[in-house]
Protein backbone atom coordinates (compact mmCIF):
# COMPACT_ATOMS: atom_id res chain seq x y z
CA MET A 1 81.60 57.46 2.92
CA ILE A 2 82.11 60.93 1.48
CA SER A 3 79.05 62.48 -0.15
CA GLU A 4 78.90 62.06 -3.92
CA THR A 5 76.69 65.11 -4.48
CA ARG A 6 79.33 67.74 -3.76
CA PRO A 7 81.76 69.02 -6.40
CA LEU A 8 85.12 67.23 -6.52
CA VAL A 9 86.90 70.34 -5.20
CA LEU A 10 84.81 70.28 -2.02
CA ARG A 11 84.69 66.51 -1.78
CA TYR A 12 88.49 66.27 -1.58
CA PRO A 13 89.65 69.64 -0.15
CA LEU A 14 93.20 68.55 0.71
CA VAL A 15 93.81 67.18 -2.78
CA SER A 16 92.45 70.42 -4.21
CA ALA A 17 94.62 72.50 -1.89
CA THR A 18 97.72 70.48 -2.83
CA LEU A 19 97.08 71.04 -6.54
CA VAL A 20 96.60 74.78 -5.92
CA VAL A 21 99.89 74.94 -4.00
CA ALA A 22 101.60 73.10 -6.87
CA LEU A 23 100.29 75.69 -9.38
CA VAL A 24 101.33 78.55 -7.12
CA THR A 25 104.79 77.01 -6.70
CA LEU A 26 105.15 76.64 -10.46
CA ALA A 27 104.13 80.26 -10.98
CA LEU A 28 106.66 81.41 -8.38
CA VAL A 29 109.45 79.36 -10.02
CA LEU A 30 108.72 81.03 -13.34
CA SER A 31 108.62 84.53 -11.79
CA SER A 32 111.18 86.82 -10.29
CA ALA A 33 110.05 85.68 -6.82
CA ASN A 34 111.27 82.13 -7.33
CA TRP A 35 113.05 82.26 -3.97
CA LEU A 36 109.58 82.03 -2.34
CA ALA A 37 108.75 78.67 -3.95
CA PRO A 38 110.63 76.46 -1.44
CA TRP A 39 109.15 78.40 1.50
CA VAL A 40 105.55 78.12 0.28
CA THR A 41 105.85 74.44 -0.58
CA GLY A 42 107.83 73.57 2.53
CA ALA A 43 105.41 75.35 4.85
CA TYR A 44 102.38 73.64 3.27
CA ALA A 45 104.07 70.23 3.32
CA LEU A 46 104.95 70.60 7.00
CA VAL A 47 101.36 71.60 7.84
CA ILE A 48 100.06 68.42 6.18
CA ALA A 49 102.76 66.38 7.92
CA GLY A 50 101.78 67.92 11.25
CA ARG A 51 98.11 67.11 10.63
CA SER A 52 99.00 63.49 9.87
CA ALA A 53 101.27 63.32 12.91
CA VAL A 54 98.46 64.46 15.21
CA SER A 55 96.15 61.82 13.74
CA MET A 56 98.89 59.23 14.14
CA VAL A 57 99.38 60.08 17.83
CA ARG A 58 95.63 59.72 18.42
CA SER A 59 95.72 56.30 16.78
CA LEU A 60 98.62 55.24 18.97
CA ARG A 61 96.66 56.27 22.09
CA THR A 62 93.81 53.94 21.04
CA GLY A 63 96.22 51.06 20.49
CA THR A 64 96.41 51.29 16.68
CA TRP A 65 99.78 51.48 14.98
CA GLY A 66 99.94 54.71 12.99
CA ILE A 67 101.64 53.64 9.76
CA ASP A 68 101.39 57.15 8.30
CA ILE A 69 104.70 57.71 10.10
CA LEU A 70 106.51 56.73 6.89
CA ALA A 71 104.74 59.42 4.86
CA VAL A 72 105.32 62.00 7.60
CA ALA A 73 109.02 61.11 7.76
CA ALA A 74 109.28 61.26 3.96
CA ILE A 75 107.74 64.75 3.88
CA VAL A 76 109.94 66.08 6.67
CA SER A 77 113.14 64.59 5.21
CA THR A 78 112.51 65.91 1.67
CA VAL A 79 111.71 69.39 3.03
CA ALA A 80 114.86 69.31 5.18
CA LEU A 81 116.93 68.38 2.14
CA GLY A 82 115.37 71.15 0.05
CA ASP A 83 113.66 68.84 -2.47
CA TYR A 84 110.37 70.71 -2.28
CA TRP A 85 108.91 69.19 -5.47
CA ALA A 86 109.40 65.70 -4.05
CA ALA A 87 107.82 66.85 -0.78
CA LEU A 88 104.82 68.13 -2.72
CA VAL A 89 104.42 64.85 -4.60
CA VAL A 90 104.51 62.92 -1.31
CA VAL A 91 101.87 65.27 0.10
CA LEU A 92 99.74 64.70 -2.99
CA MET A 93 100.19 60.96 -2.57
CA LEU A 94 99.14 61.17 1.08
CA THR A 95 96.11 63.40 0.53
CA SER A 96 94.97 61.58 -2.62
CA GLY A 97 94.71 58.38 -0.60
CA GLU A 98 91.33 59.64 0.58
CA ALA A 99 90.19 60.14 -3.00
CA LEU A 100 91.48 56.72 -4.07
CA GLU A 101 89.73 55.05 -1.15
CA ASP A 102 86.46 56.86 -1.87
CA PHE A 103 86.58 55.93 -5.56
CA ALA A 104 87.37 52.29 -4.86
CA SER A 105 84.80 52.06 -2.07
CA ARG A 106 82.06 53.50 -4.27
CA ARG A 107 82.92 50.96 -6.95
CA ALA A 108 83.02 48.12 -4.45
CA ARG A 109 79.80 49.11 -2.66
CA SER A 110 77.82 49.48 -5.88
CA GLU A 111 75.43 46.58 -5.20
CA LEU A 112 74.90 47.55 -1.55
CA ARG A 113 74.27 51.15 -2.51
CA SER A 114 71.85 50.25 -5.32
CA LEU A 115 69.70 48.26 -2.89
CA LEU A 116 69.39 51.33 -0.66
CA THR A 117 68.72 53.87 -3.42
CA ARG A 118 65.98 51.73 -4.99
CA ALA A 119 63.86 51.70 -1.83
CA PRO A 120 60.39 53.04 -2.81
CA GLN A 121 59.20 56.18 -1.06
CA VAL A 122 55.68 56.52 -2.52
CA ALA A 123 52.80 54.07 -3.03
CA HIS A 124 49.95 54.57 -5.55
CA THR A 125 46.51 54.03 -4.01
CA ALA A 126 42.98 54.64 -5.30
CA GLY A 127 42.97 57.89 -3.34
CA GLY A 128 46.26 59.10 -4.81
CA ASP A 129 49.93 58.83 -3.98
CA VAL A 130 50.82 58.36 -0.30
CA PRO A 131 54.11 57.86 1.59
CA VAL A 132 54.93 54.17 1.67
CA ASP A 133 55.15 54.32 5.48
CA VAL A 134 51.38 54.90 5.81
CA VAL A 135 50.37 51.79 3.83
CA VAL A 136 48.58 49.22 6.00
CA PRO A 137 47.57 45.61 5.34
CA GLY A 138 44.51 45.47 3.14
CA ASP A 139 45.35 48.54 1.06
CA GLU A 140 45.22 47.94 -2.68
CA LEU A 141 48.20 49.45 -4.48
CA GLU A 142 48.94 50.14 -8.11
CA VAL A 143 52.45 49.31 -9.31
CA ARG A 144 53.36 50.76 -12.68
CA PRO A 145 55.81 49.30 -15.22
CA GLY A 146 59.39 49.59 -14.01
CA GLU A 147 58.39 50.48 -10.46
CA VAL A 148 59.42 48.66 -7.28
CA VAL A 149 56.71 46.87 -5.30
CA PRO A 150 56.66 48.94 -2.08
CA VAL A 151 55.33 46.41 0.45
CA ASP A 152 54.72 42.69 0.74
CA GLY A 153 51.36 41.66 -0.69
CA VAL A 154 49.35 39.39 -2.99
CA LEU A 155 48.55 39.93 -6.64
CA VAL A 156 44.95 40.87 -7.45
CA GLY A 157 43.26 41.40 -10.78
CA ALA A 158 45.89 39.85 -13.05
CA GLY A 159 49.20 38.03 -13.08
CA ALA A 160 52.55 39.75 -13.40
CA SER A 161 56.05 39.41 -14.83
CA LEU A 162 58.49 40.46 -12.14
CA ASP A 163 62.20 41.20 -12.01
CA GLU A 164 63.30 39.69 -8.69
CA SER A 165 67.05 40.05 -9.28
CA SER A 166 67.60 42.69 -6.60
CA VAL A 167 66.05 40.42 -3.96
CA THR A 168 66.93 36.91 -5.09
CA GLY A 169 69.82 37.36 -7.52
CA GLU A 170 67.78 35.53 -10.18
CA SER A 171 68.44 37.29 -13.49
CA MET A 172 65.44 35.93 -15.45
CA PRO A 173 61.93 37.45 -15.09
CA VAL A 174 59.54 35.45 -12.90
CA THR A 175 55.81 35.08 -13.64
CA ARG A 176 53.40 35.29 -10.72
CA ALA A 177 49.70 34.41 -10.86
CA VAL A 178 46.75 36.11 -9.20
CA GLY A 179 46.71 35.30 -5.49
CA GLU A 180 50.41 34.59 -5.30
CA GLN A 181 52.60 36.31 -2.75
CA VAL A 182 54.74 39.20 -3.98
CA VAL A 183 57.59 40.48 -1.83
CA SER A 184 58.58 44.11 -1.67
CA GLY A 185 61.67 45.13 -3.60
CA VAL A 186 60.85 43.27 -6.83
CA VAL A 187 60.34 45.29 -10.01
CA ASN A 188 57.22 45.18 -12.18
CA GLY A 189 58.54 44.11 -15.58
CA GLY A 190 55.22 44.22 -17.46
CA SER A 191 52.01 46.24 -17.51
CA VAL A 192 50.32 47.90 -14.52
CA ILE A 193 49.60 45.44 -11.71
CA HIS A 194 47.64 45.65 -8.47
CA VAL A 195 48.84 44.35 -5.14
CA ARG A 196 46.88 44.02 -1.91
CA ALA A 197 49.23 44.81 0.99
CA THR A 198 49.74 42.08 3.59
CA ALA A 199 52.28 43.99 5.68
CA THR A 200 53.41 47.51 6.42
CA ALA A 201 56.59 48.85 4.85
CA ALA A 202 58.49 48.38 8.13
CA GLU A 203 57.41 44.73 8.33
CA SER A 204 58.06 43.93 4.67
CA GLN A 205 60.89 41.89 3.20
CA TYR A 206 62.65 44.79 1.49
CA GLN A 207 62.85 46.83 4.68
CA THR A 208 64.52 43.85 6.37
CA ILE A 209 67.02 43.72 3.50
CA ILE A 210 67.65 47.47 3.76
CA ASP A 211 68.32 47.20 7.51
CA LEU A 212 70.78 44.38 6.86
CA VAL A 213 72.47 46.32 4.06
CA ARG A 214 72.87 49.42 6.23
CA SER A 215 74.50 47.25 8.88
CA ALA A 216 76.86 45.80 6.28
CA ALA A 217 77.65 49.18 4.69
CA ASP A 218 78.47 50.74 8.07
CA SER A 219 80.68 47.89 9.24
CA LYS A 220 84.32 48.58 9.94
CA ALA A 221 86.86 47.60 7.32
CA PRO A 222 88.33 44.16 8.13
CA PHE A 223 91.91 42.98 8.15
CA VAL A 224 92.82 45.58 10.78
CA ARG A 225 94.69 42.94 12.76
CA LEU A 226 96.64 41.87 9.69
CA ALA A 227 97.44 45.49 8.83
CA ASP A 228 98.74 46.04 12.35
CA ARG A 229 100.86 42.89 12.20
CA VAL A 230 102.43 43.80 8.85
CA ALA A 231 102.71 47.56 9.50
CA ILE A 232 105.26 47.38 12.31
CA PRO A 233 107.87 45.19 10.55
CA PHE A 234 107.28 47.05 7.27
CA THR A 235 107.88 50.41 8.94
CA LEU A 236 110.97 49.19 10.76
CA ALA A 237 112.31 47.63 7.55
CA ALA A 238 111.79 50.90 5.64
CA PHE A 239 113.64 52.96 8.25
CA GLY A 240 116.35 50.31 8.48
CA ILE A 241 116.92 50.21 4.71
CA GLY A 242 116.89 54.01 4.53
CA ALA A 243 119.34 54.39 7.41
CA LEU A 244 121.65 51.74 5.96
CA ALA A 245 121.66 53.50 2.57
CA TRP A 246 122.52 56.81 4.29
CA ILE A 247 125.33 55.23 6.33
CA LEU A 248 126.90 53.36 3.43
CA SER A 249 126.67 56.24 0.96
CA GLY A 250 127.17 59.10 3.39
CA ASP A 251 124.35 60.87 1.53
CA PRO A 252 121.18 61.75 3.56
CA VAL A 253 119.27 62.08 0.27
CA ARG A 254 119.29 58.30 0.01
CA PHE A 255 117.34 58.10 3.28
CA ALA A 256 114.63 60.40 1.93
CA GLU A 257 114.47 58.56 -1.40
CA VAL A 258 113.87 55.24 0.37
CA LEU A 259 111.10 56.60 2.60
CA VAL A 260 109.32 58.24 -0.32
CA VAL A 261 108.64 54.85 -1.93
CA ALA A 262 107.74 53.11 1.35
CA THR A 263 104.08 54.08 1.77
CA PRO A 264 101.62 51.51 3.15
CA CYS A 265 98.60 52.19 0.89
CA PRO A 266 97.98 48.47 0.17
CA LEU A 267 97.37 47.99 3.90
CA LEU A 268 95.35 51.16 4.46
CA ILE A 269 93.11 51.07 1.37
CA ALA A 270 93.50 48.11 -0.96
CA THR A 271 92.65 45.34 1.50
CA PRO A 272 89.46 46.94 2.93
CA VAL A 273 88.34 47.61 -0.65
CA ALA A 274 88.63 43.88 -1.40
CA PHE A 275 86.30 43.08 1.48
CA ILE A 276 83.78 45.74 0.52
CA ALA A 277 83.78 44.40 -3.04
CA GLY A 278 83.27 40.86 -1.76
CA MET A 279 80.32 41.91 0.42
CA SER A 280 78.81 43.78 -2.52
CA ARG A 281 79.09 40.73 -4.79
CA ALA A 282 77.51 38.58 -2.06
CA ALA A 283 74.53 40.95 -2.04
CA ARG A 284 74.29 40.54 -5.80
CA VAL A 285 73.86 36.77 -5.44
CA GLY A 286 71.24 37.13 -2.69
CA VAL A 287 73.31 36.98 0.50
CA ILE A 288 73.71 39.91 2.88
CA VAL A 289 76.97 39.65 4.84
CA LYS A 290 76.82 41.91 7.88
CA SER A 291 80.54 42.65 8.23
CA GLY A 292 83.85 42.02 6.59
CA GLY A 293 84.98 39.99 9.58
CA VAL A 294 82.34 37.41 8.66
CA LEU A 295 84.13 36.85 5.35
CA GLU A 296 87.38 36.26 7.24
CA GLN A 297 85.72 33.57 9.37
CA LEU A 298 83.89 31.98 6.45
CA ALA A 299 87.07 31.64 4.45
CA ARG A 300 88.61 29.59 7.28
CA THR A 301 85.51 27.55 8.21
CA ARG A 302 86.09 23.82 8.51
CA THR A 303 82.87 22.54 10.12
CA ALA A 304 79.35 23.12 8.78
CA ALA A 305 76.25 22.48 10.89
CA PHE A 306 72.66 22.57 9.59
CA ASP A 307 69.17 22.71 10.97
CA LYS A 308 66.79 20.26 9.28
CA THR A 309 63.37 21.83 8.74
CA GLY A 310 63.53 24.79 6.37
CA THR A 311 67.27 24.40 5.83
CA LEU A 312 68.05 20.95 4.45
CA THR A 313 64.34 20.44 3.71
CA ARG A 314 61.93 22.85 2.02
CA GLY A 315 60.30 23.80 5.31
CA THR A 316 56.77 23.48 3.91
CA PRO A 317 55.50 20.13 5.30
CA GLU A 318 52.13 18.72 4.27
CA VAL A 319 49.94 16.06 5.86
CA ASP A 320 50.55 12.83 3.96
CA ARG A 321 48.38 10.41 5.96
CA ILE A 322 46.81 9.84 9.35
CA ASP A 323 47.36 6.54 11.17
CA VAL A 324 44.41 6.04 13.56
CA LEU A 325 44.35 3.70 16.58
CA THR A 326 41.17 4.98 18.18
CA GLY A 327 38.37 7.14 16.70
CA THR A 328 38.41 8.76 13.27
CA GLU A 329 40.87 10.78 11.24
CA GLU A 330 38.68 13.90 11.55
CA GLU A 331 38.49 13.56 15.34
CA LEU A 332 42.23 13.14 15.70
CA LEU A 333 43.00 15.97 13.29
CA GLY A 334 40.48 18.23 15.05
CA TYR A 335 42.12 17.73 18.44
CA ALA A 336 45.56 18.47 17.00
CA ALA A 337 44.36 21.58 15.13
CA ALA A 338 42.69 22.95 18.27
CA LEU A 339 46.00 22.94 20.14
CA GLU A 340 48.12 24.04 17.21
CA ALA A 341 45.87 26.89 16.01
CA ASP A 342 47.95 29.67 17.57
CA SER A 343 51.39 28.12 17.02
CA ALA A 344 53.87 29.52 14.49
CA HIS A 345 55.67 26.17 14.05
CA VAL A 346 55.71 24.89 10.48
CA LEU A 347 54.30 21.50 11.50
CA ALA A 348 51.48 23.21 13.38
CA ASN A 349 50.64 25.28 10.32
CA ALA A 350 50.48 22.14 8.20
CA VAL A 351 48.09 20.44 10.66
CA VAL A 352 45.78 23.47 10.82
CA THR A 353 45.84 23.87 7.03
CA GLU A 354 44.82 20.21 6.55
CA ALA A 355 41.99 20.56 9.07
CA GLU A 356 40.66 23.62 7.27
CA ARG A 357 40.96 21.86 3.91
CA ARG A 358 38.77 19.03 5.22
CA GLY A 359 36.21 21.49 6.57
CA ILE A 360 36.82 20.55 10.20
CA THR A 361 35.63 23.12 12.72
CA ILE A 362 38.56 24.05 14.92
CA ARG A 363 37.38 23.94 18.52
CA GLU A 364 38.61 26.12 21.34
CA ALA A 365 41.42 24.80 23.50
CA THR A 366 42.10 26.04 27.02
CA ALA A 367 45.10 25.88 29.36
CA VAL A 368 47.36 25.41 26.33
CA GLU A 369 51.01 24.93 27.24
CA GLU A 370 53.89 24.43 24.82
CA VAL A 371 56.80 22.27 25.93
CA VAL A 372 59.82 23.29 23.85
CA ALA A 373 61.01 20.61 21.40
CA GLU A 374 58.48 18.11 22.81
CA GLY A 375 54.97 19.21 21.92
CA VAL A 376 51.90 21.00 23.22
CA LEU A 377 49.18 20.10 25.70
CA GLY A 378 45.81 21.59 26.60
CA THR A 379 42.16 20.88 27.28
CA VAL A 380 39.62 20.30 24.48
CA ASP A 381 36.01 19.30 25.22
CA GLY A 382 36.99 18.46 28.78
CA GLY A 383 39.78 16.07 27.86
CA MET A 384 43.53 16.51 28.25
CA ILE A 385 45.01 16.49 24.75
CA ARG A 386 48.69 16.10 24.00
CA VAL A 387 50.24 16.64 20.56
CA GLY A 388 53.90 16.04 19.71
CA LYS A 389 56.55 13.36 20.06
CA ARG A 390 55.37 9.88 21.07
CA SER A 391 57.61 9.96 24.14
CA PHE A 392 55.81 13.14 25.25
CA VAL A 393 52.28 12.18 24.20
CA ALA A 394 52.05 8.54 25.36
CA PRO A 395 55.45 7.20 26.48
CA SER A 396 54.12 3.76 27.41
CA SER A 397 52.47 3.08 24.04
CA VAL A 398 54.43 1.22 21.37
CA PRO A 399 52.10 0.79 18.39
CA GLU A 400 53.11 -1.39 15.45
CA TRP A 401 53.32 1.24 12.75
CA ARG A 402 55.47 0.98 9.67
CA GLU A 403 58.69 2.89 9.81
CA LEU A 404 58.73 6.44 8.58
CA GLU A 405 60.34 7.02 5.22
CA ALA A 406 62.88 9.71 4.33
CA GLY A 407 61.35 13.15 4.64
CA GLU A 408 58.46 11.98 6.86
CA THR A 409 57.77 13.31 10.35
CA ALA A 410 55.08 12.09 12.74
CA VAL A 411 53.00 14.15 15.17
CA HIS A 412 51.31 11.96 17.77
CA VAL A 413 47.99 12.75 19.47
CA SER A 414 46.60 11.43 22.75
CA ARG A 415 43.52 12.10 24.88
CA ASP A 416 43.82 11.57 28.62
CA CYS A 417 47.14 9.75 28.07
CA ARG A 418 45.55 7.32 25.59
CA LEU A 419 47.26 7.34 22.20
CA LEU A 420 44.73 8.11 19.44
CA GLY A 421 47.12 7.92 16.49
CA ARG A 422 49.60 9.92 14.54
CA ILE A 423 49.64 12.49 11.76
CA VAL A 424 52.40 11.80 9.24
CA LEU A 425 53.76 14.84 7.43
CA THR A 426 56.22 14.98 4.56
CA ASP A 427 58.82 17.66 4.02
CA GLU A 428 60.88 17.20 0.89
CA LEU A 429 64.64 17.49 0.88
CA ARG A 430 65.76 20.60 -0.94
CA PRO A 431 66.82 19.56 -4.45
CA GLU A 432 70.10 21.47 -4.10
CA ALA A 433 70.97 20.07 -0.66
CA SER A 434 73.18 17.17 -1.76
CA ALA A 435 75.05 19.26 -4.35
CA THR A 436 75.61 21.99 -1.75
CA LEU A 437 77.21 19.52 0.65
CA VAL A 438 79.49 18.30 -2.12
CA ARG A 439 80.54 21.87 -2.95
CA LEU A 440 81.21 22.70 0.70
CA ARG A 441 83.52 19.70 1.03
CA ALA A 442 85.36 20.81 -2.10
CA LEU A 443 85.77 24.25 -0.48
CA GLY A 444 87.49 22.75 2.57
CA ILE A 445 84.68 21.71 4.93
CA THR A 446 85.91 18.56 6.69
CA ARG A 447 82.95 17.87 8.99
CA THR A 448 79.19 18.22 8.43
CA VAL A 449 76.56 17.86 11.17
CA MET A 450 72.77 18.12 11.24
CA LEU A 451 71.21 19.41 14.48
CA THR A 452 67.47 18.80 14.90
CA GLY A 453 64.78 18.33 17.48
CA ASP A 454 63.24 15.51 15.42
CA ALA A 455 63.35 11.84 16.25
CA ARG A 456 66.49 9.83 15.56
CA GLU A 457 64.95 7.80 12.70
CA THR A 458 63.84 10.88 10.75
CA ALA A 459 67.11 12.70 11.40
CA ASP A 460 69.25 9.80 10.20
CA ARG A 461 67.23 9.39 6.99
CA ILE A 462 67.42 13.09 6.06
CA ALA A 463 71.13 13.24 6.88
CA GLN A 464 71.80 10.21 4.69
CA LEU A 465 69.84 11.64 1.76
CA ALA A 466 71.52 15.04 2.00
CA GLY A 467 75.01 13.63 2.45
CA VAL A 468 75.52 15.05 5.95
CA GLY A 469 78.18 13.19 7.88
CA GLU A 470 76.53 13.21 11.32
CA ALA A 471 73.02 13.68 12.70
CA ARG A 472 72.23 14.74 16.25
CA ALA A 473 68.54 14.28 17.01
CA GLY A 474 66.14 15.21 19.79
CA LEU A 475 67.94 18.45 20.61
CA LEU A 476 66.32 21.35 22.46
CA PRO A 477 67.49 24.87 21.47
CA GLY A 478 69.95 24.80 24.36
CA GLY A 479 71.23 21.44 23.20
CA LYS A 480 71.92 22.82 19.75
CA VAL A 481 73.92 25.67 21.27
CA ALA A 482 75.96 23.24 23.36
CA ALA A 483 76.57 21.03 20.32
CA VAL A 484 77.83 23.91 18.21
CA ARG A 485 80.14 25.10 20.95
CA GLU A 486 81.81 21.70 21.23
CA LEU A 487 82.18 21.01 17.52
CA THR A 488 85.66 20.86 16.04
CA PRO A 489 87.55 21.74 13.91
CA ARG A 490 86.87 25.46 14.16
CA PRO A 491 85.58 27.80 12.88
CA VAL A 492 82.03 26.40 12.75
CA MET A 493 79.36 27.64 10.36
CA MET A 494 75.72 27.09 11.32
CA VAL A 495 72.93 27.38 8.74
CA GLY A 496 69.42 27.60 10.15
CA ASP A 497 65.91 28.87 9.65
CA GLY A 498 63.28 30.00 12.12
CA VAL A 499 62.94 31.69 15.50
CA ASN A 500 64.18 28.67 17.48
CA ASP A 501 67.46 28.76 15.52
CA ALA A 502 68.35 32.27 16.70
CA PRO A 503 70.36 31.13 19.77
CA VAL A 504 72.44 28.56 17.86
CA LEU A 505 73.11 31.00 14.99
CA ALA A 506 74.44 33.49 17.52
CA ALA A 507 76.60 30.81 19.18
CA ALA A 508 78.31 29.67 15.97
CA ASP A 509 81.48 31.31 14.67
CA VAL A 510 79.45 32.15 11.55
CA GLY A 511 75.66 32.01 11.65
CA ILE A 512 73.81 31.97 8.32
CA ALA A 513 70.04 32.42 8.30
CA MET A 514 67.75 31.23 5.53
CA GLY A 515 65.85 34.51 5.71
CA ALA A 516 63.64 34.39 2.61
CA ARG A 517 60.52 33.87 4.70
CA GLY A 518 61.31 36.82 6.93
CA ALA A 519 62.34 34.94 10.09
CA THR A 520 63.30 38.15 11.87
CA ALA A 521 64.80 36.68 15.03
CA ALA A 522 67.01 34.29 13.09
CA SER A 523 68.08 37.05 10.67
CA GLU A 524 69.00 39.41 13.49
CA SER A 525 71.09 36.77 15.25
CA ALA A 526 72.88 35.64 12.10
CA ASP A 527 76.11 36.98 10.62
CA ALA A 528 74.82 36.52 7.07
CA VAL A 529 71.31 36.18 5.64
CA ILE A 530 70.35 34.22 2.52
CA LEU A 531 67.51 36.13 0.88
CA VAL A 532 66.33 33.33 -1.40
CA GLU A 533 65.13 29.75 -0.99
CA ASP A 534 68.44 28.29 -2.12
CA LEU A 535 70.78 26.48 0.27
CA GLY A 536 73.44 26.61 -2.44
CA ARG A 537 74.01 30.28 -1.63
CA ALA A 538 75.76 29.13 1.57
CA ALA A 539 78.43 27.52 -0.61
CA ASP A 540 78.44 30.61 -2.86
CA VAL A 541 79.21 32.98 0.00
CA MET A 542 81.93 30.69 1.35
CA GLN A 543 83.55 30.58 -2.09
CA LEU A 544 83.27 34.38 -2.29
CA ALA A 545 84.87 34.70 1.14
CA GLN A 546 87.83 32.54 0.13
CA ARG A 547 88.31 34.50 -3.09
CA THR A 548 88.10 37.80 -1.21
CA ILE A 549 90.73 36.73 1.32
CA ARG A 550 92.98 35.49 -1.46
CA ILE A 551 92.70 38.78 -3.35
CA ALA A 552 93.28 40.79 -0.16
CA TYR A 553 96.51 38.88 0.49
CA GLN A 554 97.49 39.39 -3.15
CA SER A 555 97.00 43.13 -2.78
CA ILE A 556 99.21 43.15 0.29
CA GLY A 557 101.83 40.96 -1.35
CA VAL A 558 101.90 42.89 -4.63
CA GLY A 559 101.82 46.32 -2.99
CA ILE A 560 104.37 45.65 -0.27
CA GLY A 561 106.54 43.58 -2.62
CA LEU A 562 106.76 46.36 -5.21
CA SER A 563 107.44 48.89 -2.44
CA VAL A 564 110.33 46.81 -1.15
CA VAL A 565 111.76 46.53 -4.68
CA LEU A 566 111.52 50.31 -5.09
CA MET A 567 113.19 50.84 -1.71
CA LEU A 568 116.10 48.64 -2.72
CA VAL A 569 116.44 50.47 -6.03
CA ALA A 570 116.29 53.80 -4.18
CA THR A 571 119.29 52.78 -2.04
CA THR A 572 121.49 52.94 -5.18
CA GLY A 573 120.69 56.60 -5.77
CA VAL A 574 119.27 56.05 -9.28
CA LEU A 575 115.70 56.84 -8.23
CA PRO A 576 115.14 60.55 -7.48
CA ALA A 577 112.59 61.25 -4.77
CA ILE A 578 110.08 62.87 -7.13
CA ILE A 579 110.18 59.85 -9.49
CA GLY A 580 109.96 57.45 -6.55
CA ALA A 581 106.88 59.18 -5.18
CA THR A 582 105.22 58.97 -8.58
CA LEU A 583 106.04 55.28 -8.94
CA GLN A 584 104.65 54.61 -5.47
CA GLU A 585 101.36 56.16 -6.55
CA VAL A 586 101.32 53.71 -9.48
CA VAL A 587 101.85 50.84 -7.02
CA ASP A 588 98.88 52.05 -4.97
CA VAL A 589 96.61 52.11 -8.02
CA ILE A 590 97.72 48.60 -9.03
CA ALA A 591 96.92 47.25 -5.56
CA ILE A 592 93.48 48.91 -5.51
CA LEU A 593 92.54 47.69 -8.99
CA ASN A 594 93.54 44.19 -7.96
CA SER A 595 91.30 44.46 -4.87
CA LEU A 596 88.29 45.40 -7.00
CA ARG A 597 88.48 41.96 -8.62
CA ALA A 598 86.75 40.61 -5.51
CA GLY A 599 83.54 42.16 -6.85
CA ARG A 600 83.55 40.20 -10.10
CA ALA A 601 80.91 37.58 -10.93
CA LEU A 602 81.37 34.22 -9.21
CA GLN A 603 82.16 31.06 -11.17
CA ARG A 604 80.64 28.27 -9.08
CA ARG A 605 82.88 25.35 -8.26
């Protein structure tokens, strides 16, 4: 995007040059050298036409239809017919397209740009101000009123009132207590607070958001394929109407008058602006969409697939009870914690946390081996310990335990192939899960599927509670990928959370990561990232995508439709070229203003 710091004259040099030529032409007309006016204007117009023609030829060589051919033909024909004022207006229309696009893009990218410009550069430490890049975990930072928290950390000293709108989209201030986690990017809305860093700036949440935003801001404008499809028939129709008017009237002026009003600005500018505005609004509600093409796919999505843990459920399981067959609860929990101590899995974290809460000393495990989607095995105190699914831990044992309830998951533990018992963990269904599924169906989703590595009983119960149509259980990461690839109808949206979801997010037509906890691998593989703990944002971004597509089509329909009307009027000879060129500029502005509606606030439905 063109720099906003330069003066307007330098920011848009061709527009400035065109206005200067217009003033010079006017001065010549009013002087005794008025015979020079057509030569000056004609020469300048032909230079601009030549510049556009060169650009058009380059586009054709890369396989892109150069629809500036209409403007070039309009300039050449008006110069040839001696209507130099009309030629100058067409040149102004062509060169001002850059200015219109820049203005509309800046308006549409406002939310994306604000996220980038707010990134903190300095952190206040006890030793003075330092660049935020040198902050390391353990540093205590001072955050003053109105300042952005520079790195992830925990509150020390006192609680805080924080504005988290730029990160979560939540407009109301949020109160955090001492010891609570504070993510970078939130604004201190009260008095001075102190934060102890738990991550570097590069590893913090806000830097992840910035990287995603830069990727989104640099993405190519979408709808290129549509523009190419419409451009060819539109161009041929314009030349055909112009030629027919010339033949029937015998007046070549009619040809020029038709071409003057046949510019394709709604294709070149208005539709990309709609997508940029839609992506910006998505950022405002806490979803970073990485490219405009993602919005195209989302708008057409008909199948939605979900991971279970951390997506349909909260992803923060806790130990509910321990069912013991042999030994004690502490012994069983100690074995499990020894093997799970170094695992990043959410169930492992819950087991270790419970062991620490009970004051159990976590022993050292050796020869630890993790079997994906099954469990983990290793040696503790000379015995072979297995932790995971019952079929993996002790396949021949069939204990008479009561059935697990909705939201419960069991981790089984054995020693030397003898089942010791199970640890039952609960992970609550997200409160917004059922409502989100209802909204997605209202938006056109015809099939919903849950893909999980959990047991069939647990998967079926969660799917029933959430309102998911199908549940596929016991899937390895590769099995999830295969399942997504075979799902119909297409396109397929996959919503997941965690490192093991990265492959399936990449395999889906649209992958959406629940990235609030900073699951880097999943966020990098996804096409869109939800920055807050709210599954409902998946429905929000799909609704935004559908609205954006609808507005983009409206801009094309309105712009091209009005152009066709003007072309037909121009065939009668009642629309002079200079008036037609001016009216076409009005059409362009109407189409762009319509496109900016994609950035308006979303009314959930």
